[in-house]
Amino acid sequence: MKKQKQSGGTIIGFIVGVVVGLGSALAVAVYVTKVPVPFMNGKTQNSSADHDAAENQKNKDWDPNTPLHGKNPVRPVAPVVASPEVAPEPPATATPVLVPSAPVVAASKPAKADAKPTAAASASADPLGDLAKAKAKAATTATAAAAPAAPALGPTAEPFEYFVQAGAFRTPEDAEAQRAKLAMMGMEAKVSEREQSGRTVFRVRMGPYAKRDDAERAKDKLENAGGETTLVRVQR
């Protein structure tokens, strides 16, 4: 009888333990599924928000006629901006042209016609005087024709004059400093002011030189001393 009671208690205990274990496992499973996980829920919410934004953008740009466009979709037509109306210009008034009256011209012609007979009459009155005047006029004409040919015998002057520019500066103080530097090197220079590109610049130049060779020699001398130069040609 004792053995039967012990075996019956063992079976009952085993069954009770199995039921308790199943209940505990079920409670743990329900807890895990119901309680939110921080990292998983945040990631899921972010992914769902990105997905919703992508869907909204896709629905916004969606065109129901896209399959009909083919490979070359129709571009949206740019809005036409109405150009402002230009007020018509007033008609230009023609300036009156003053035409000299015909009687004035007609009156001047007879005066010239009357002057010719007077000159002919005076010439015929003194033929010796007319001959002397003719010879004097011919001599004056010959002298005037020979005078311009005389300078052609000498060397021809160049139509340009040359400068050697040693720099251009924004302030007159810098230009004067450059001029003083050249004076210490035995080179005479001048400061000139000019407006360039809307700004006033002060140029330091040596010259003018009548011949290009003289300007080239001055330029070489300054470059050998370590200066930067520019040869400038100016029309006389």
C-alpha atoms as a PDB file:
ATOM      1  CA  MET A   1       0.000   0.000   0.000  1.00  0.00           C
ATOM      2  CA  LYS A   2       2.866   2.426   0.732  1.00  0.00           C
ATOM      3  CA  LYS A   3       4.482   1.776  -2.647  1.00  0.00           C
ATOM      4  CA  GLN A   4       1.227   2.519  -4.461  1.00  0.00           C
ATOM      5  CA  LYS A   5       0.795   5.809  -2.538  1.00  0.00           C
ATOM      6  CA  GLN A   6       4.385   6.923  -3.351  1.00  0.00           C
ATOM      7  CA  SER A   7       4.004   6.169  -7.052  1.00  0.00           C
ATOM      8  CA  GLY A   8       0.693   8.035  -7.183  1.00  0.00           C
ATOM      9  CA  GLY A   9       2.216  11.127  -5.491  1.00  0.00           C
ATOM     10  CA  THR A  10       5.137  11.129  -7.919  1.00  0.00           C
ATOM     11  CA  ILE A  11       2.868  11.160 -10.968  1.00  0.00           C
ATOM     12  CA  ILE A  12       0.736  13.940  -9.543  1.00  0.00           C
ATOM     13  CA  GLY A  13       3.839  16.001  -8.727  1.00  0.00           C
ATOM     14  CA  PHE A  14       5.176  15.493 -12.253  1.00  0.00           C
ATOM     15  CA  ILE A  15       1.911  16.623 -13.797  1.00  0.00           C
ATOM     16  CA  VAL A  16       1.728  19.658 -11.542  1.00  0.00           C
ATOM     17  CA  GLY A  17       5.334  20.604 -12.442  1.00  0.00           C
ATOM     18  CA  VAL A  18       4.593  20.292 -16.168  1.00  0.00           C
ATOM     19  CA  VAL A  19       1.521  22.505 -15.833  1.00  0.00           C
ATOM     20  CA  VAL A  20       3.415  25.113 -13.830  1.00  0.00           C
ATOM     21  CA  GLY A  21       6.284  25.123 -16.381  1.00  0.00           C
ATOM     22  CA  LEU A  22       3.892  25.541 -19.311  1.00  0.00           C
ATOM     23  CA  GLY A  23       2.136  28.380 -17.533  1.00  0.00           C
ATOM     24  CA  SER A  24       5.444  30.131 -16.831  1.00  0.00           C
ATOM     25  CA  ALA A  25       6.587  29.750 -20.465  1.00  0.00           C
ATOM     26  CA  LEU A  26       3.268  31.111 -21.699  1.00  0.00           C
ATOM     27  CA  ALA A  27       3.520  34.112 -19.371  1.00  0.00           C
ATOM     28  CA  VAL A  28       7.068  34.871 -20.534  1.00  0.00           C
ATOM     29  CA  ALA A  29       6.040  34.629 -24.224  1.00  0.00           C
ATOM     30  CA  VAL A  30       3.104  36.973 -23.697  1.00  0.00           C
ATOM     31  CA  TYR A  31       5.338  39.463 -21.837  1.00  0.00           C
ATOM     32  CA  VAL A  32       7.991  39.443 -24.557  1.00  0.00           C
ATOM     33  CA  THR A  33       5.482  40.005 -27.361  1.00  0.00           C
ATOM     34  CA  LYS A  34       3.563  42.745 -25.579  1.00  0.00           C
ATOM     35  CA  VAL A  35       6.415  44.778 -24.044  1.00  0.00           C
ATOM     36  CA  PRO A  36       8.020  47.229 -26.636  1.00  0.00           C
ATOM     37  CA  VAL A  37      11.786  46.894 -27.322  1.00  0.00           C
ATOM     38  CA  PRO A  38      13.469  50.409 -27.448  1.00  0.00           C
ATOM     39  CA  PHE A  39      15.961  49.828 -30.276  1.00  0.00           C
ATOM     40  CA  MET A  40      13.704  47.703 -32.414  1.00  0.00           C
ATOM     41  CA  ASN A  41      10.722  50.044 -32.077  1.00  0.00           C
ATOM     42  CA  GLY A  42      12.841  53.158 -32.875  1.00  0.00           C
ATOM     43  CA  LYS A  43      14.304  51.557 -35.957  1.00  0.00           C
ATOM     44  CA  THR A  44      10.878  50.348 -37.071  1.00  0.00           C
ATOM     45  CA  GLN A  45       9.348  53.798 -36.566  1.00  0.00           C
ATOM     46  CA  ASN A  46      12.176  55.520 -38.501  1.00  0.00           C
ATOM     47  CA  SER A  47      11.915  53.076 -41.379  1.00  0.00           C
ATOM     48  CA  SER A  48       8.160  53.489 -41.509  1.00  0.00           C
ATOM     49  CA  ALA A  49       8.504  57.309 -41.480  1.00  0.00           C
ATOM     50  CA  ASP A  50      11.055  57.210 -44.355  1.00  0.00           C
ATOM     51  CA  HIS A  51       8.829  54.841 -46.259  1.00  0.00           C
ATOM     52  CA  ASP A  52       5.819  57.116 -45.774  1.00  0.00           C
ATOM     53  CA  ALA A  53       7.813  60.169 -46.951  1.00  0.00           C
ATOM     54  CA  ALA A  54       9.043  58.309 -50.055  1.00  0.00           C
ATOM     55  CA  GLU A  55       5.517  57.214 -50.836  1.00  0.00           C
ATOM     56  CA  ASN A  56       4.193  60.771 -50.456  1.00  0.00           C
ATOM     57  CA  GLN A  57       6.902  62.158 -52.785  1.00  0.00           C
ATOM     58  CA  LYS A  58       6.229  59.394 -55.298  1.00  0.00           C
ATOM     59  CA  ASN A  59       2.501  60.102 -55.225  1.00  0.00           C
ATOM     60  CA  LYS A  60       3.155  63.820 -55.546  1.00  0.00           C
ATOM     61  CA  ASP A  61       5.327  63.451 -58.683  1.00  0.00           C
ATOM     62  CA  TRP A  62       3.258  60.683 -60.172  1.00  0.00           C
ATOM     63  CA  ASP A  63       1.929  61.315 -63.629  1.00  0.00           C
ATOM     64  CA  PRO A  64      -0.878  59.075 -64.854  1.00  0.00           C
ATOM     65  CA  ASN A  65       0.220  59.668 -68.468  1.00  0.00           C
ATOM     66  CA  THR A  66       3.773  58.400 -67.937  1.00  0.00           C
ATOM     67  CA  PRO A  67       3.244  55.126 -69.883  1.00  0.00           C
ATOM     68  CA  LEU A  68       2.008  57.145 -72.871  1.00  0.00           C
ATOM     69  CA  HIS A  69       5.162  59.287 -73.049  1.00  0.00           C
ATOM     70  CA  GLY A  70       7.495  56.459 -74.032  1.00  0.00           C
ATOM     71  CA  LYS A  71      11.263  57.016 -73.862  1.00  0.00           C
ATOM     72  CA  ASN A  72      11.028  60.789 -74.517  1.00  0.00           C
ATOM     73  CA  PRO A  73       8.751  62.223 -71.824  1.00  0.00           C
ATOM     74  CA  VAL A  74       7.012  65.474 -72.549  1.00  0.00           C
ATOM     75  CA  ARG A  75       8.701  68.356 -70.750  1.00  0.00           C
ATOM     76  CA  PRO A  76       6.531  70.768 -68.807  1.00  0.00           C
ATOM     77  CA  VAL A  77       5.810  73.962 -70.690  1.00  0.00           C
ATOM     78  CA  ALA A  78       7.430  76.991 -69.108  1.00  0.00           C
ATOM     79  CA  PRO A  79       4.987  79.750 -68.156  1.00  0.00           C
ATOM     80  CA  VAL A  80       4.910  82.598 -70.631  1.00  0.00           C
ATOM     81  CA  VAL A  81       5.793  85.923 -69.053  1.00  0.00           C
ATOM     82  CA  ALA A  82       3.984  88.801 -70.646  1.00  0.00           C
ATOM     83  CA  SER A  83       6.419  91.471 -71.811  1.00  0.00           C
ATOM     84  CA  PRO A  84       5.651  95.019 -70.643  1.00  0.00           C
ATOM     85  CA  GLU A  85       4.004  97.153 -73.234  1.00  0.00           C
ATOM     86  CA  VAL A  86       6.254  99.826 -74.683  1.00  0.00           C
ATOM     87  CA  ALA A  87       4.661 103.193 -75.114  1.00  0.00           C
ATOM     88  CA  PRO A  88       4.775 104.347 -78.744  1.00  0.00           C
ATOM     89  CA  GLU A  89       7.303 107.046 -79.393  1.00  0.00           C
ATOM     90  CA  PRO A  90       5.922 110.400 -80.543  1.00  0.00           C
ATOM     91  CA  PRO A  91       6.452 111.056 -84.246  1.00  0.00           C
ATOM     92  CA  ALA A  92       9.593 112.976 -84.977  1.00  0.00           C
ATOM     93  CA  THR A  93       8.983 116.464 -86.238  1.00  0.00           C
ATOM     94  CA  ALA A  94      10.895 117.370 -89.348  1.00  0.00           C
ATOM     95  CA  THR A  95      13.101 120.408 -88.930  1.00  0.00           C
ATOM     96  CA  PRO A  96      12.426 123.025 -91.586  1.00  0.00           C
ATOM     97  CA  VAL A  97      15.203 123.429 -94.150  1.00  0.00           C
ATOM     98  CA  LEU A  98      15.995 126.975 -95.092  1.00  0.00           C
ATOM     99  CA  VAL A  99      16.499 127.299 -98.828  1.00  0.00           C
ATOM    100  CA  PRO A 100      18.050 130.535-100.070  1.00  0.00           C
ATOM    101  CA  SER A 101      15.774 132.442-102.343  1.00  0.00           C
ATOM    102  CA  ALA A 102      16.476 132.409-106.048  1.00  0.00           C
ATOM    103  CA  PRO A 103      16.654 136.215-106.510  1.00  0.00           C
ATOM    104  CA  VAL A 104      19.761 136.423-104.251  1.00  0.00           C
ATOM    105  CA  VAL A 105      21.708 133.963-106.446  1.00  0.00           C
ATOM    106  CA  ALA A 106      20.542 135.683-109.579  1.00  0.00           C
ATOM    107  CA  ALA A 107      21.727 139.038-108.264  1.00  0.00           C
ATOM    108  CA  SER A 108      25.246 137.734-107.429  1.00  0.00           C
ATOM    109  CA  LYS A 109      25.904 136.307-110.909  1.00  0.00           C
ATOM    110  CA  PRO A 110      25.647 139.610-112.770  1.00  0.00           C
ATOM    111  CA  ALA A 111      28.113 141.129-110.279  1.00  0.00           C
ATOM    112  CA  LYS A 112      30.736 138.480-111.223  1.00  0.00           C
ATOM    113  CA  ALA A 113      30.009 138.967-114.883  1.00  0.00           C
ATOM    114  CA  ASP A 114      30.536 142.698-114.523  1.00  0.00           C
ATOM    115  CA  ALA A 115      33.854 142.163-112.701  1.00  0.00           C
ATOM    116  CA  LYS A 116      35.417 140.240-115.599  1.00  0.00           C
ATOM    117  CA  PRO A 117      35.170 143.068-118.150  1.00  0.00           C
ATOM    118  CA  THR A 118      36.643 145.469-115.588  1.00  0.00           C
ATOM    119  CA  ALA A 119      39.692 143.233-115.030  1.00  0.00           C
ATOM    120  CA  ALA A 120      40.137 142.775-118.776  1.00  0.00           C
ATOM    121  CA  ALA A 121      39.938 146.509-119.315  1.00  0.00           C
ATOM    122  CA  SER A 122      42.585 147.211-116.662  1.00  0.00           C
ATOM    123  CA  ALA A 123      44.918 144.576-118.141  1.00  0.00           C
ATOM    124  CA  SER A 124      44.644 145.981-121.601  1.00  0.00           C
ATOM    125  CA  ALA A 125      45.297 149.527-120.344  1.00  0.00           C
ATOM    126  CA  ASP A 126      48.836 148.731-119.005  1.00  0.00           C
ATOM    127  CA  PRO A 127      50.417 145.761-120.870  1.00  0.00           C
ATOM    128  CA  LEU A 128      53.932 146.354-119.403  1.00  0.00           C
ATOM    129  CA  GLY A 129      52.596 146.262-115.885  1.00  0.00           C
ATOM    130  CA  ASP A 130      50.713 143.075-116.608  1.00  0.00           C
ATOM    131  CA  LEU A 131      53.914 141.434-117.915  1.00  0.00           C
ATOM    132  CA  ALA A 132      55.850 142.404-114.767  1.00  0.00           C
ATOM    133  CA  LYS A 133      53.089 141.023-112.540  1.00  0.00           C
ATOM    134  CA  ALA A 134      53.048 137.759-114.463  1.00  0.00           C
ATOM    135  CA  LYS A 135      56.820 137.303-114.045  1.00  0.00           C
ATOM    136  CA  ALA A 136      56.660 138.050-110.310  1.00  0.00           C
ATOM    137  CA  LYS A 137      53.805 135.554-109.859  1.00  0.00           C
ATOM    138  CA  ALA A 138      55.758 132.839-111.726  1.00  0.00           C
ATOM    139  CA  ALA A 139      58.840 133.416-109.533  1.00  0.00           C
ATOM    140  CA  THR A 140      56.736 133.201-106.344  1.00  0.00           C
ATOM    141  CA  THR A 141      55.147 129.953-107.520  1.00  0.00           C
ATOM    142  CA  ALA A 142      58.541 128.378-108.281  1.00  0.00           C
ATOM    143  CA  THR A 143      59.898 129.357-104.852  1.00  0.00           C
ATOM    144  CA  ALA A 144      56.860 127.905-103.076  1.00  0.00           C
ATOM    145  CA  ALA A 145      57.169 124.653-105.037  1.00  0.00           C
ATOM    146  CA  ALA A 146      60.852 124.260-104.178  1.00  0.00           C
ATOM    147  CA  ALA A 147      60.451 125.004-100.459  1.00  0.00           C
ATOM    148  CA  PRO A 148      58.700 121.737 -99.366  1.00  0.00           C
ATOM    149  CA  ALA A 149      61.252 119.598-101.201  1.00  0.00           C
ATOM    150  CA  ALA A 150      64.163 120.858 -99.072  1.00  0.00           C
ATOM    151  CA  PRO A 151      63.336 118.869 -95.855  1.00  0.00           C
ATOM    152  CA  ALA A 152      63.136 115.665 -97.904  1.00  0.00           C
ATOM    153  CA  LEU A 153      66.889 115.780 -98.397  1.00  0.00           C
ATOM    154  CA  GLY A 154      67.561 115.184 -94.706  1.00  0.00           C
ATOM    155  CA  PRO A 155      66.790 112.002 -92.707  1.00  0.00           C
ATOM    156  CA  THR A 156      63.044 111.332 -92.286  1.00  0.00           C
ATOM    157  CA  ALA A 157      61.740 111.744 -88.726  1.00  0.00           C
ATOM    158  CA  GLU A 158      59.758 108.886 -87.159  1.00  0.00           C
ATOM    159  CA  PRO A 159      56.017 109.529 -86.723  1.00  0.00           C
ATOM    160  CA  PHE A 160      56.145 108.187 -83.139  1.00  0.00           C
ATOM    161  CA  GLU A 161      57.828 109.090 -79.891  1.00  0.00           C
ATOM    162  CA  TYR A 162      58.812 106.493 -77.313  1.00  0.00           C
ATOM    163  CA  PHE A 163      58.640 106.219 -73.521  1.00  0.00           C
ATOM    164  CA  VAL A 164      60.113 103.671 -71.117  1.00  0.00           C
ATOM    165  CA  GLN A 165      57.553 103.005 -68.383  1.00  0.00           C
ATOM    166  CA  ALA A 166      59.038 101.896 -65.088  1.00  0.00           C
ATOM    167  CA  GLY A 167      55.755 101.163 -63.341  1.00  0.00           C
ATOM    168  CA  ALA A 168      52.177 102.269 -62.662  1.00  0.00           C
ATOM    169  CA  PHE A 169      50.993 102.846 -59.090  1.00  0.00           C
ATOM    170  CA  ARG A 170      47.706 103.540 -57.290  1.00  0.00           C
ATOM    171  CA  THR A 171      49.044 106.346 -55.074  1.00  0.00           C
ATOM    172  CA  PRO A 172      51.256 109.311 -55.972  1.00  0.00           C
ATOM    173  CA  GLU A 173      53.527 108.502 -53.027  1.00  0.00           C
ATOM    174  CA  ASP A 174      54.508 105.141 -54.522  1.00  0.00           C
ATOM    175  CA  ALA A 175      55.097 106.758 -57.909  1.00  0.00           C
ATOM    176  CA  GLU A 176      57.326 109.449 -56.390  1.00  0.00           C
ATOM    177  CA  ALA A 177      59.285 106.774 -54.521  1.00  0.00           C
ATOM    178  CA  GLN A 178      59.922 104.940 -57.810  1.00  0.00           C
ATOM    179  CA  ARG A 179      60.976 108.177 -59.512  1.00  0.00           C
ATOM    180  CA  ALA A 180      63.419 108.960 -56.682  1.00  0.00           C
ATOM    181  CA  LYS A 181      64.843 105.448 -56.974  1.00  0.00           C
ATOM    182  CA  LEU A 182      65.481 105.969 -60.676  1.00  0.00           C
ATOM    183  CA  ALA A 183      67.059 109.367 -59.970  1.00  0.00           C
ATOM    184  CA  MET A 184      69.538 107.694 -57.605  1.00  0.00           C
ATOM    185  CA  MET A 185      70.450 105.355 -60.463  1.00  0.00           C
ATOM    186  CA  GLY A 186      71.134 108.341 -62.735  1.00  0.00           C
ATOM    187  CA  MET A 187      67.913 108.043 -64.775  1.00  0.00           C
ATOM    188  CA  GLU A 188      65.509 110.929 -65.146  1.00  0.00           C
ATOM    189  CA  ALA A 189      61.817 110.030 -65.020  1.00  0.00           C
ATOM    190  CA  LYS A 190      58.480 111.817 -64.747  1.00  0.00           C
ATOM    191  CA  VAL A 191      55.204 110.977 -62.993  1.00  0.00           C
ATOM    192  CA  SER A 192      52.035 111.296 -65.080  1.00  0.00           C
ATOM    193  CA  GLU A 193      48.431 110.783 -63.944  1.00  0.00           C
ATOM    194  CA  ARG A 194      45.845 108.925 -66.003  1.00  0.00           C
ATOM    195  CA  GLU A 195      42.422 107.319 -65.462  1.00  0.00           C
ATOM    196  CA  GLN A 196      42.373 103.615 -66.354  1.00  0.00           C
ATOM    197  CA  SER A 197      39.312 101.338 -65.993  1.00  0.00           C
ATOM    198  CA  GLY A 198      37.568 103.926 -63.847  1.00  0.00           C
ATOM    199  CA  ARG A 199      40.560 104.289 -61.478  1.00  0.00           C
ATOM    200  CA  THR A 200      43.348 106.853 -61.318  1.00  0.00           C
ATOM    201  CA  VAL A 201      46.858 105.453 -61.811  1.00  0.00           C
ATOM    202  CA  PHE A 202      50.184 107.211 -61.583  1.00  0.00           C
ATOM    203  CA  ARG A 203      52.736 106.193 -64.212  1.00  0.00           C
ATOM    204  CA  VAL A 204      56.494 106.598 -63.932  1.00  0.00           C
ATOM    205  CA  ARG A 205      58.022 107.064 -67.393  1.00  0.00           C
ATOM    206  CA  MET A 206      61.378 108.007 -68.877  1.00  0.00           C
ATOM    207  CA  GLY A 207      61.402 109.980 -72.094  1.00  0.00           C
ATOM    208  CA  PRO A 208      60.161 110.933 -74.573  1.00  0.00           C
ATOM    209  CA  TYR A 209      62.722 109.553 -77.018  1.00  0.00           C
ATOM    210  CA  ALA A 210      62.675 110.577 -80.677  1.00  0.00           C
ATOM    211  CA  LYS A 211      64.178 107.265 -81.826  1.00  0.00           C
ATOM    212  CA  ARG A 212      63.300 103.725 -80.897  1.00  0.00           C
ATOM    213  CA  ASP A 213      66.985 102.823 -80.525  1.00  0.00           C
ATOM    214  CA  ASP A 214      67.451 105.406 -77.776  1.00  0.00           C
ATOM    215  CA  ALA A 215      64.398 104.076 -75.935  1.00  0.00           C
ATOM    216  CA  GLU A 216      65.655 100.494 -76.277  1.00  0.00           C
ATOM    217  CA  ARG A 217      69.022 101.457 -74.772  1.00  0.00           C
ATOM    218  CA  ALA A 218      67.344 103.136 -71.777  1.00  0.00           C
ATOM    219  CA  LYS A 219      65.066 100.116 -71.341  1.00  0.00           C
ATOM    220  CA  ASP A 220      68.014  97.685 -71.375  1.00  0.00           C
ATOM    221  CA  LYS A 221      69.908  99.814 -68.871  1.00  0.00           C
ATOM    222  CA  LEU A 222      67.016  99.796 -66.424  1.00  0.00           C
ATOM    223  CA  GLU A 223      66.421  96.047 -66.850  1.00  0.00           C
ATOM    224  CA  ASN A 224      70.087  95.318 -66.216  1.00  0.00           C
ATOM    225  CA  ALA A 225      69.716  97.223 -62.941  1.00  0.00           C
ATOM    226  CA  GLY A 226      66.898  94.877 -61.925  1.00  0.00           C
ATOM    227  CA  GLY A 227      63.871  96.962 -62.853  1.00  0.00           C
ATOM    228  CA  GLU A 228      60.748  95.961 -64.779  1.00  0.00           C
ATOM    229  CA  THR A 229      60.089  98.126 -67.832  1.00  0.00           C
ATOM    230  CA  THR A 230      57.676  98.495 -70.726  1.00  0.00           C
ATOM    231  CA  LEU A 231      58.327 100.251 -74.033  1.00  0.00           C
ATOM    232  CA  VAL A 232      55.429 102.564 -74.952  1.00  0.00           C
ATOM    233  CA  ARG A 233      54.943 104.069 -78.425  1.00  0.00           C
ATOM    234  CA  VAL A 234      52.849 107.231 -78.800  1.00  0.00           C
ATOM    235  CA  GLN A 235      51.722 108.970 -81.996  1.00  0.00           C
ATOM    236  CA  ARG A 236      53.242 112.419 -82.387  1.00  0.00           C
END
